[in-house]
Amino acid sequence: MSWLPLLGILVVVVGFALKLNPMLVVTASALVTGLLAGMGPIEVISAFGKAFNDNRIIAIVWIVLPVIGLLERYGLQQRARAVIGGFRRATAGRLLILYLVYRQFTAAIGLHSTAGHPQTVRPLVAPMALAAAEQQHGMLTDDEAETVKSYAAATDNVGLFFGEDIFFAIGSIVLIQATLATYGIVLAPLELAVWAIPTAGCAFAIHAARLLLLDRWLGRGRR
């Protein structure tokens, strides 16, 4: 067994550490892995083409992103902030808890692409959270604003990661099932999905508590 193809992982680590373009880093890593595995350049490119052809739905993203860009250019973020301005009791933590509920629920029923960092967090959720925080605590410092943005991104990650395992028809459930089967533990995907519910509930409670603590942290900074 040759370990040389694993050098592709090193390419990813170094590329991300140097903050290079992620798409170029991943592409370079795939090329290195393929070449070190004994594939020729044409075979590697053919593998790229086959993967793209087998997953054509990915191309839909390139249709959605320009639409989001146009909406942002014509004031989507500003309108989102204005909407939050009408809710006097809204806070960043409460708003993000509502988004966490939405994200976990939709992920649990298989609607993973209805939200995400490019679709909802950057153009809508983060600006709304910032507006709610400024409404309660006044103008935020740069560090405080970046913290609120990071919590918005983390909320999406937590909601998706722990919600999607409740949906039994997903790759992670199949992977867990196959791994357990190698140790003689045979479980149906639905059984695994059911046992993901307590974990998702704990993740929700922990992250919701962190979001409420975010409100307190922002409030202390104004005393």
C-alpha atoms as a PDB file:
ATOM      1  CA  MET A   1       0.000   0.000   0.000  1.00  0.00           C
ATOM      2  CA  SER A   2       1.384   3.381  -1.028  1.00  0.00           C
ATOM      3  CA  TRP A   3       1.010   6.342   1.310  1.00  0.00           C
ATOM      4  CA  LEU A   4       2.117   8.867  -1.306  1.00  0.00           C
ATOM      5  CA  PRO A   5      -1.432   9.825  -2.422  1.00  0.00           C
ATOM      6  CA  LEU A   6      -2.047  11.111   1.117  1.00  0.00           C
ATOM      7  CA  LEU A   7       0.253  14.016   0.297  1.00  0.00           C
ATOM      8  CA  GLY A   8      -2.823  15.572  -1.273  1.00  0.00           C
ATOM      9  CA  ILE A   9      -4.047  16.186   2.282  1.00  0.00           C
ATOM     10  CA  LEU A  10      -0.825  18.066   3.003  1.00  0.00           C
ATOM     11  CA  VAL A  11      -1.541  20.286  -0.012  1.00  0.00           C
ATOM     12  CA  VAL A  12      -4.933  21.159   1.475  1.00  0.00           C
ATOM     13  CA  VAL A  13      -3.466  21.930   4.912  1.00  0.00           C
ATOM     14  CA  VAL A  14      -0.680  24.127   3.510  1.00  0.00           C
ATOM     15  CA  GLY A  15      -3.002  25.885   1.051  1.00  0.00           C
ATOM     16  CA  PHE A  16      -5.572  26.743   3.715  1.00  0.00           C
ATOM     17  CA  ALA A  17      -2.836  27.807   6.143  1.00  0.00           C
ATOM     18  CA  LEU A  18      -1.543  30.240   3.506  1.00  0.00           C
ATOM     19  CA  LYS A  19      -5.136  31.440   2.902  1.00  0.00           C
ATOM     20  CA  LEU A  20      -5.021  30.630  -0.794  1.00  0.00           C
ATOM     21  CA  ASN A  21      -8.142  30.335  -2.949  1.00  0.00           C
ATOM     22  CA  PRO A  22      -9.997  27.259  -1.581  1.00  0.00           C
ATOM     23  CA  MET A  23     -11.145  26.112  -5.024  1.00  0.00           C
ATOM     24  CA  LEU A  24      -7.587  26.193  -6.370  1.00  0.00           C
ATOM     25  CA  VAL A  25      -6.266  24.418  -3.276  1.00  0.00           C
ATOM     26  CA  VAL A  26      -8.793  21.585  -3.524  1.00  0.00           C
ATOM     27  CA  THR A  27      -8.208  21.240  -7.269  1.00  0.00           C
ATOM     28  CA  ALA A  28      -4.429  21.112  -6.770  1.00  0.00           C
ATOM     29  CA  SER A  29      -4.870  18.543  -4.001  1.00  0.00           C
ATOM     30  CA  ALA A  30      -6.996  16.338  -6.266  1.00  0.00           C
ATOM     31  CA  LEU A  31      -4.396  16.568  -9.049  1.00  0.00           C
ATOM     32  CA  VAL A  32      -1.557  15.675  -6.691  1.00  0.00           C
ATOM     33  CA  THR A  33      -3.499  12.755  -5.236  1.00  0.00           C
ATOM     34  CA  GLY A  34      -4.411  11.393  -8.672  1.00  0.00           C
ATOM     35  CA  LEU A  35      -0.902  11.703 -10.098  1.00  0.00           C
ATOM     36  CA  LEU A  36       0.721  10.111  -7.048  1.00  0.00           C
ATOM     37  CA  ALA A  37      -1.814   7.274  -7.245  1.00  0.00           C
ATOM     38  CA  GLY A  38      -0.515   6.413 -10.700  1.00  0.00           C
ATOM     39  CA  MET A  39      -3.167   8.111 -12.804  1.00  0.00           C
ATOM     40  CA  GLY A  40      -2.187  10.078 -15.868  1.00  0.00           C
ATOM     41  CA  PRO A  41      -3.123  13.754 -16.348  1.00  0.00           C
ATOM     42  CA  ILE A  42      -5.912  12.846 -18.789  1.00  0.00           C
ATOM     43  CA  GLU A  43      -7.315  10.275 -16.344  1.00  0.00           C
ATOM     44  CA  VAL A  44      -7.373  12.849 -13.551  1.00  0.00           C
ATOM     45  CA  ILE A  45      -9.180  15.400 -15.722  1.00  0.00           C
ATOM     46  CA  SER A  46     -11.614  12.693 -16.851  1.00  0.00           C
ATOM     47  CA  ALA A  47     -12.358  11.903 -13.217  1.00  0.00           C
ATOM     48  CA  PHE A  48     -13.122  15.598 -12.633  1.00  0.00           C
ATOM     49  CA  GLY A  49     -15.479  15.586 -15.625  1.00  0.00           C
ATOM     50  CA  LYS A  50     -17.258  12.422 -14.483  1.00  0.00           C
ATOM     51  CA  ALA A  51     -17.742  13.810 -10.967  1.00  0.00           C
ATOM     52  CA  PHE A  52     -19.190  17.037 -12.382  1.00  0.00           C
ATOM     53  CA  ASN A  53     -21.460  15.146 -14.759  1.00  0.00           C
ATOM     54  CA  ASP A  54     -22.709  12.888 -11.950  1.00  0.00           C
ATOM     55  CA  ASN A  55     -23.461  15.898  -9.730  1.00  0.00           C
ATOM     56  CA  ARG A  56     -24.878  18.421 -12.194  1.00  0.00           C
ATOM     57  CA  ILE A  57     -27.215  19.830  -9.552  1.00  0.00           C
ATOM     58  CA  ILE A  58     -24.176  21.636  -8.101  1.00  0.00           C
ATOM     59  CA  ALA A  59     -24.320  23.964 -11.115  1.00  0.00           C
ATOM     60  CA  ILE A  60     -27.587  25.384  -9.754  1.00  0.00           C
ATOM     61  CA  VAL A  61     -25.504  27.236  -7.149  1.00  0.00           C
ATOM     62  CA  TRP A  62     -23.927  29.329  -9.908  1.00  0.00           C
ATOM     63  CA  ILE A  63     -27.407  30.465 -10.919  1.00  0.00           C
ATOM     64  CA  VAL A  64     -28.437  31.409  -7.380  1.00  0.00           C
ATOM     65  CA  LEU A  65     -25.295  33.314  -6.380  1.00  0.00           C
ATOM     66  CA  PRO A  66     -25.611  36.086  -9.018  1.00  0.00           C
ATOM     67  CA  VAL A  67     -29.225  36.624  -7.929  1.00  0.00           C
ATOM     68  CA  ILE A  68     -28.132  37.034  -4.306  1.00  0.00           C
ATOM     69  CA  GLY A  69     -25.374  39.416  -5.422  1.00  0.00           C
ATOM     70  CA  LEU A  70     -27.864  41.599  -7.308  1.00  0.00           C
ATOM     71  CA  LEU A  71     -30.242  41.649  -4.345  1.00  0.00           C
ATOM     72  CA  GLU A  72     -27.418  42.735  -2.054  1.00  0.00           C
ATOM     73  CA  ARG A  73     -26.357  45.480  -4.452  1.00  0.00           C
ATOM     74  CA  TYR A  74     -29.876  46.881  -4.479  1.00  0.00           C
ATOM     75  CA  GLY A  75     -30.241  47.008  -0.707  1.00  0.00           C
ATOM     76  CA  LEU A  76     -31.157  43.550   0.598  1.00  0.00           C
ATOM     77  CA  GLN A  77     -29.023  43.931   3.731  1.00  0.00           C
ATOM     78  CA  GLN A  78     -30.351  47.431   4.412  1.00  0.00           C
ATOM     79  CA  ARG A  79     -33.948  46.236   4.107  1.00  0.00           C
ATOM     80  CA  ALA A  80     -33.232  43.325   6.437  1.00  0.00           C
ATOM     81  CA  ARG A  81     -31.830  45.738   9.036  1.00  0.00           C
ATOM     82  CA  ALA A  82     -34.850  48.030   8.628  1.00  0.00           C
ATOM     83  CA  VAL A  83     -37.261  45.153   9.252  1.00  0.00           C
ATOM     84  CA  ILE A  84     -35.540  44.290  12.536  1.00  0.00           C
ATOM     85  CA  GLY A  85     -35.674  47.960  13.529  1.00  0.00           C
ATOM     86  CA  GLY A  86     -39.444  47.594  13.829  1.00  0.00           C
ATOM     87  CA  PHE A  87     -39.156  44.989  16.602  1.00  0.00           C
ATOM     88  CA  ARG A  88     -38.132  46.845  19.756  1.00  0.00           C
ATOM     89  CA  ARG A  89     -37.622  43.745  21.890  1.00  0.00           C
ATOM     90  CA  ALA A  90     -35.514  41.917  19.323  1.00  0.00           C
ATOM     91  CA  THR A  91     -31.975  41.015  20.382  1.00  0.00           C
ATOM     92  CA  ALA A  92     -29.176  39.332  18.471  1.00  0.00           C
ATOM     93  CA  GLY A  93     -29.398  36.242  20.669  1.00  0.00           C
ATOM     94  CA  ARG A  94     -33.175  35.832  20.351  1.00  0.00           C
ATOM     95  CA  LEU A  95     -33.071  36.341  16.592  1.00  0.00           C
ATOM     96  CA  LEU A  96     -30.322  33.755  16.161  1.00  0.00           C
ATOM     97  CA  ILE A  97     -32.206  31.265  18.351  1.00  0.00           C
ATOM     98  CA  LEU A  98     -35.177  31.554  15.975  1.00  0.00           C
ATOM     99  CA  TYR A  99     -32.835  30.959  13.042  1.00  0.00           C
ATOM    100  CA  LEU A 100     -31.360  27.951  14.856  1.00  0.00           C
ATOM    101  CA  VAL A 101     -34.858  26.471  15.216  1.00  0.00           C
ATOM    102  CA  TYR A 102     -35.514  27.004  11.509  1.00  0.00           C
ATOM    103  CA  ARG A 103     -32.151  25.593  10.450  1.00  0.00           C
ATOM    104  CA  GLN A 104     -32.384  22.468  12.577  1.00  0.00           C
ATOM    105  CA  PHE A 105     -35.978  21.750  11.593  1.00  0.00           C
ATOM    106  CA  THR A 106     -35.437  22.151   7.844  1.00  0.00           C
ATOM    107  CA  ALA A 107     -32.228  20.100   7.978  1.00  0.00           C
ATOM    108  CA  ALA A 108     -34.063  17.377   9.903  1.00  0.00           C
ATOM    109  CA  ILE A 109     -36.588  16.961   7.075  1.00  0.00           C
ATOM    110  CA  GLY A 110     -33.940  17.023   4.349  1.00  0.00           C
ATOM    111  CA  LEU A 111     -34.174  20.654   3.203  1.00  0.00           C
ATOM    112  CA  HIS A 112     -30.464  21.377   3.588  1.00  0.00           C
ATOM    113  CA  SER A 113     -30.179  23.923   0.802  1.00  0.00           C
ATOM    114  CA  THR A 114     -32.980  26.230   1.910  1.00  0.00           C
ATOM    115  CA  ALA A 115     -30.425  28.150   4.001  1.00  0.00           C
ATOM    116  CA  GLY A 116     -26.680  28.490   4.330  1.00  0.00           C
ATOM    117  CA  HIS A 117     -23.844  30.969   4.576  1.00  0.00           C
ATOM    118  CA  PRO A 118     -24.132  32.448   1.064  1.00  0.00           C
ATOM    119  CA  GLN A 119     -27.929  32.167   0.790  1.00  0.00           C
ATOM    120  CA  THR A 120     -29.083  33.470   4.168  1.00  0.00           C
ATOM    121  CA  VAL A 121     -26.349  34.178   6.729  1.00  0.00           C
ATOM    122  CA  ARG A 122     -24.371  36.831   4.848  1.00  0.00           C
ATOM    123  CA  PRO A 123     -27.225  38.693   3.120  1.00  0.00           C
ATOM    124  CA  LEU A 124     -29.928  38.361   5.806  1.00  0.00           C
ATOM    125  CA  VAL A 125     -29.179  36.753   9.173  1.00  0.00           C
ATOM    126  CA  ALA A 126     -25.923  38.540  10.027  1.00  0.00           C
ATOM    127  CA  PRO A 127     -27.225  42.047   9.099  1.00  0.00           C
ATOM    128  CA  MET A 128     -30.422  41.418  11.061  1.00  0.00           C
ATOM    129  CA  ALA A 129     -28.462  40.225  14.100  1.00  0.00           C
ATOM    130  CA  LEU A 130     -26.235  43.305  13.900  1.00  0.00           C
ATOM    131  CA  ALA A 131     -29.290  45.571  13.650  1.00  0.00           C
ATOM    132  CA  ALA A 132     -30.880  43.908  16.683  1.00  0.00           C
ATOM    133  CA  ALA A 133     -27.666  44.266  18.702  1.00  0.00           C
ATOM    134  CA  GLU A 134     -27.274  47.942  17.764  1.00  0.00           C
ATOM    135  CA  GLN A 135     -30.913  48.606  18.599  1.00  0.00           C
ATOM    136  CA  GLN A 136     -30.408  47.274  22.131  1.00  0.00           C
ATOM    137  CA  HIS A 137     -26.840  48.389  22.831  1.00  0.00           C
ATOM    138  CA  GLY A 138     -26.043  51.267  20.464  1.00  0.00           C
ATOM    139  CA  MET A 139     -23.239  51.379  17.918  1.00  0.00           C
ATOM    140  CA  LEU A 140     -21.007  48.303  18.127  1.00  0.00           C
ATOM    141  CA  THR A 141     -17.227  48.289  18.052  1.00  0.00           C
ATOM    142  CA  ASP A 142     -15.489  46.392  15.252  1.00  0.00           C
ATOM    143  CA  ASP A 143     -14.707  43.489  17.596  1.00  0.00           C
ATOM    144  CA  GLU A 144     -18.304  43.296  18.801  1.00  0.00           C
ATOM    145  CA  ALA A 145     -19.666  43.396  15.242  1.00  0.00           C
ATOM    146  CA  GLU A 146     -17.308  40.614  14.143  1.00  0.00           C
ATOM    147  CA  THR A 147     -18.342  38.552  17.168  1.00  0.00           C
ATOM    148  CA  VAL A 148     -22.027  38.874  16.265  1.00  0.00           C
ATOM    149  CA  LYS A 149     -21.243  37.859  12.673  1.00  0.00           C
ATOM    150  CA  SER A 150     -19.284  34.826  13.872  1.00  0.00           C
ATOM    151  CA  TYR A 151     -22.202  33.741  16.073  1.00  0.00           C
ATOM    152  CA  ALA A 152     -24.537  34.041  13.077  1.00  0.00           C
ATOM    153  CA  ALA A 153     -22.253  31.770  11.043  1.00  0.00           C
ATOM    154  CA  ALA A 154     -21.861  29.334  13.946  1.00  0.00           C
ATOM    155  CA  THR A 155     -25.634  29.126  14.370  1.00  0.00           C
ATOM    156  CA  ASP A 156     -26.011  27.963  10.785  1.00  0.00           C
ATOM    157  CA  ASN A 157     -23.263  25.368  11.267  1.00  0.00           C
ATOM    158  CA  VAL A 158     -24.738  23.981  14.488  1.00  0.00           C
ATOM    159  CA  GLY A 159     -28.274  23.862  13.111  1.00  0.00           C
ATOM    160  CA  LEU A 160     -27.253  22.058   9.930  1.00  0.00           C
ATOM    161  CA  PHE A 161     -24.690  19.690  11.451  1.00  0.00           C
ATOM    162  CA  PHE A 162     -26.899  18.365  14.230  1.00  0.00           C
ATOM    163  CA  GLY A 163     -30.173  18.625  12.338  1.00  0.00           C
ATOM    164  CA  GLU A 164     -29.247  16.748   9.186  1.00  0.00           C
ATOM    165  CA  ASP A 165     -28.489  13.483  11.032  1.00  0.00           C
ATOM    166  CA  ILE A 166     -32.173  13.264  11.973  1.00  0.00           C
ATOM    167  CA  PHE A 167     -32.918  12.892   8.257  1.00  0.00           C
ATOM    168  CA  PHE A 168     -32.236   9.194   7.618  1.00  0.00           C
ATOM    169  CA  ALA A 169     -31.642   9.527   3.853  1.00  0.00           C
ATOM    170  CA  ILE A 170     -28.320  11.361   4.071  1.00  0.00           C
ATOM    171  CA  GLY A 171     -24.707  10.361   3.490  1.00  0.00           C
ATOM    172  CA  SER A 172     -23.593  10.691   7.103  1.00  0.00           C
ATOM    173  CA  ILE A 173     -26.221   8.184   8.277  1.00  0.00           C
ATOM    174  CA  VAL A 174     -25.176   5.736   5.556  1.00  0.00           C
ATOM    175  CA  LEU A 175     -21.535   6.157   6.584  1.00  0.00           C
ATOM    176  CA  ILE A 176     -22.326   5.489  10.257  1.00  0.00           C
ATOM    177  CA  GLN A 177     -24.428   2.464   9.293  1.00  0.00           C
ATOM    178  CA  ALA A 178     -21.641   1.016   7.142  1.00  0.00           C
ATOM    179  CA  THR A 179     -19.007   1.630   9.832  1.00  0.00           C
ATOM    180  CA  LEU A 180     -21.096  -0.082  12.518  1.00  0.00           C
ATOM    181  CA  ALA A 181     -21.798  -2.989  10.176  1.00  0.00           C
ATOM    182  CA  THR A 182     -18.049  -3.715   9.945  1.00  0.00           C
ATOM    183  CA  TYR A 183     -18.138  -4.360  13.712  1.00  0.00           C
ATOM    184  CA  GLY A 184     -21.167  -6.608  13.463  1.00  0.00           C
ATOM    185  CA  ILE A 185     -23.678  -3.978  14.610  1.00  0.00           C
ATOM    186  CA  VAL A 186     -26.560  -3.938  12.141  1.00  0.00           C
ATOM    187  CA  LEU A 187     -28.908  -0.979  12.405  1.00  0.00           C
ATOM    188  CA  ALA A 188     -31.469   0.510  10.040  1.00  0.00           C
ATOM    189  CA  PRO A 189     -30.934   4.146   8.956  1.00  0.00           C
ATOM    190  CA  LEU A 190     -34.176   5.132  10.696  1.00  0.00           C
ATOM    191  CA  GLU A 191     -32.870   3.760  14.013  1.00  0.00           C
ATOM    192  CA  LEU A 192     -29.738   5.887  13.717  1.00  0.00           C
ATOM    193  CA  ALA A 193     -31.799   8.953  12.803  1.00  0.00           C
ATOM    194  CA  VAL A 194     -34.012   8.532  15.877  1.00  0.00           C
ATOM    195  CA  TRP A 195     -30.983   8.396  18.155  1.00  0.00           C
ATOM    196  CA  ALA A 196     -29.709  11.618  16.598  1.00  0.00           C
ATOM    197  CA  ILE A 197     -32.685  13.510  18.080  1.00  0.00           C
ATOM    198  CA  PRO A 198     -31.325  13.681  21.684  1.00  0.00           C
ATOM    199  CA  THR A 199     -27.970  14.893  20.363  1.00  0.00           C
ATOM    200  CA  ALA A 200     -29.675  17.582  18.289  1.00  0.00           C
ATOM    201  CA  GLY A 201     -31.719  18.626  21.315  1.00  0.00           C
ATOM    202  CA  CYS A 202     -28.589  18.966  23.467  1.00  0.00           C
ATOM    203  CA  ALA A 203     -26.821  20.921  20.730  1.00  0.00           C
ATOM    204  CA  PHE A 204     -29.780  23.278  20.491  1.00  0.00           C
ATOM    205  CA  ALA A 205     -29.894  23.856  24.258  1.00  0.00           C
ATOM    206  CA  ILE A 206     -26.148  24.487  24.516  1.00  0.00           C
ATOM    207  CA  HIS A 207     -25.958  26.846  21.563  1.00  0.00           C
ATOM    208  CA  ALA A 208     -29.132  28.684  22.565  1.00  0.00           C
ATOM    209  CA  ALA A 209     -27.572  29.287  25.982  1.00  0.00           C
ATOM    210  CA  ARG A 210     -24.451  30.652  24.267  1.00  0.00           C
ATOM    211  CA  LEU A 211     -26.602  33.021  22.225  1.00  0.00           C
ATOM    212  CA  LEU A 212     -28.323  34.348  25.333  1.00  0.00           C
ATOM    213  CA  LEU A 213     -24.900  34.828  26.912  1.00  0.00           C
ATOM    214  CA  LEU A 214     -23.951  36.818  23.811  1.00  0.00           C
ATOM    215  CA  ASP A 215     -26.714  39.295  24.650  1.00  0.00           C
ATOM    216  CA  ARG A 216     -25.423  39.590  28.210  1.00  0.00           C
ATOM    217  CA  TRP A 217     -21.862  40.067  26.968  1.00  0.00           C
ATOM    218  CA  LEU A 218     -22.932  42.856  24.643  1.00  0.00           C
ATOM    219  CA  GLY A 219     -24.897  44.471  27.487  1.00  0.00           C
ATOM    220  CA  ARG A 220     -21.964  44.383  29.901  1.00  0.00           C
ATOM    221  CA  GLY A 221     -19.836  46.211  27.377  1.00  0.00           C
ATOM    222  CA  ARG A 222     -22.176  49.224  27.659  1.00  0.00           C
ATOM    223  CA  ARG A 223     -22.105  49.502  31.467  1.00  0.00           C
END
